[in-house]
Amino acid sequence: MDSEWMAAGLCRIEPPAMFFPSDGVGVEIAKRICAECPVKAPCLEYALENRIDHGVWGGTSERQRRRILKKRKTTIPVLV
């Protein structure tokens, strides 16, 4: 997957630790930054495709990404 989008992310001007918080308040702060980010969608897809299970990516927490992946798994038809 192309990762050129990373250079346009708002996270590039923040400390990386901000997107790997240890509490719910930190997650909400990171998600607020992501909400305004122009590359939120490709960031989320990158995290989903690469099964990144730590941190806030594309405005989602680890738990939210697990739910998205689970939902996608159940909605994608299986080809036989």
Protein backbone atom coordinates (compact mmCIF):
# COMPACT_ATOMS: atom_id res chain seq x y z
CA MET A 1 0.00 0.00 0.00
CA ASP A 2 1.13 3.49 -0.82
CA SER A 3 2.21 5.43 2.26
CA GLU A 4 2.84 8.87 0.75
CA TRP A 5 -0.32 10.05 2.50
CA MET A 6 1.57 9.87 5.80
CA ALA A 7 3.43 13.08 4.99
CA ALA A 8 0.12 14.99 5.01
CA GLY A 9 -1.11 13.65 8.35
CA LEU A 10 -1.70 16.05 11.21
CA CYS A 11 0.06 13.54 13.46
CA ARG A 12 3.38 14.48 11.88
CA ILE A 13 3.47 17.68 13.97
CA GLU A 14 2.56 15.96 17.25
CA PRO A 15 4.66 13.71 19.49
CA PRO A 16 4.15 10.06 18.50
CA ALA A 17 3.28 9.19 22.11
CA MET A 18 0.10 11.24 21.72
CA PHE A 19 -1.29 8.55 19.39
CA PHE A 20 -0.33 5.68 21.68
CA PRO A 21 -2.09 6.79 24.87
CA SER A 22 -2.45 4.72 28.00
CA ASP A 23 -5.91 5.94 28.96
CA GLY A 24 -9.29 6.87 27.54
CA VAL A 25 -8.68 10.60 27.87
CA GLY A 26 -5.56 10.28 25.72
CA VAL A 27 -7.50 8.32 23.12
CA GLU A 28 -10.12 11.07 22.91
CA ILE A 29 -7.45 13.75 22.48
CA ALA A 30 -5.81 11.80 19.65
CA LYS A 31 -9.18 11.17 18.00
CA ARG A 32 -9.92 14.93 18.04
CA ILE A 33 -6.70 15.57 16.12
CA CYS A 34 -7.59 12.83 13.65
CA ALA A 35 -11.07 14.26 13.14
CA GLU A 36 -9.59 17.26 11.32
CA CYS A 37 -6.94 15.29 9.42
CA PRO A 38 -7.08 15.29 5.60
CA VAL A 39 -5.72 11.72 5.42
CA LYS A 40 -7.96 10.11 8.03
CA ALA A 41 -9.46 7.56 5.61
CA PRO A 42 -6.19 6.21 4.15
CA CYS A 43 -4.71 6.13 7.65
CA LEU A 44 -7.56 3.95 8.89
CA GLU A 45 -7.31 1.64 5.88
CA TYR A 46 -3.57 1.31 6.43
CA ALA A 47 -4.12 0.29 10.05
CA LEU A 48 -6.83 -2.19 9.08
CA GLU A 49 -4.90 -3.76 6.20
CA ASN A 50 -1.77 -4.09 8.31
CA ARG A 51 -3.65 -5.28 11.40
CA ILE A 52 -2.11 -2.56 13.58
CA ASP A 53 -3.49 -3.23 17.01
CA HIS A 54 -1.93 -0.42 19.04
CA GLY A 55 -2.60 3.29 19.05
CA VAL A 56 -5.07 5.62 17.40
CA TRP A 57 -5.10 5.40 13.61
CA GLY A 58 -7.56 7.12 11.30
CA GLY A 59 -9.49 8.42 14.27
CA THR A 60 -10.16 4.96 15.70
CA SER A 61 -9.04 3.14 18.81
CA GLU A 62 -7.76 -0.43 18.87
CA ARG A 63 -11.19 -1.67 19.96
CA GLN A 64 -12.96 0.22 17.18
CA ARG A 65 -10.64 -1.26 14.56
CA ARG A 66 -11.25 -4.77 15.87
CA ARG A 67 -14.99 -4.15 15.52
CA ILE A 68 -14.57 -2.84 11.96
CA LEU A 69 -12.51 -5.88 10.97
CA LYS A 70 -15.01 -8.25 12.56
CA LYS A 71 -17.89 -6.53 10.76
CA ARG A 72 -16.05 -6.63 7.43
CA LYS A 73 -15.33 -10.30 7.93
CA THR A 74 -19.01 -11.07 8.39
CA THR A 75 -20.22 -8.90 5.50
CA ILE A 76 -17.75 -10.01 2.82
CA PRO A 77 -19.17 -12.90 0.81
CA VAL A 78 -17.04 -16.01 0.67
CA LEU A 79 -16.22 -17.17 -2.85
CA VAL A 80 -16.36 -20.91 -3.36
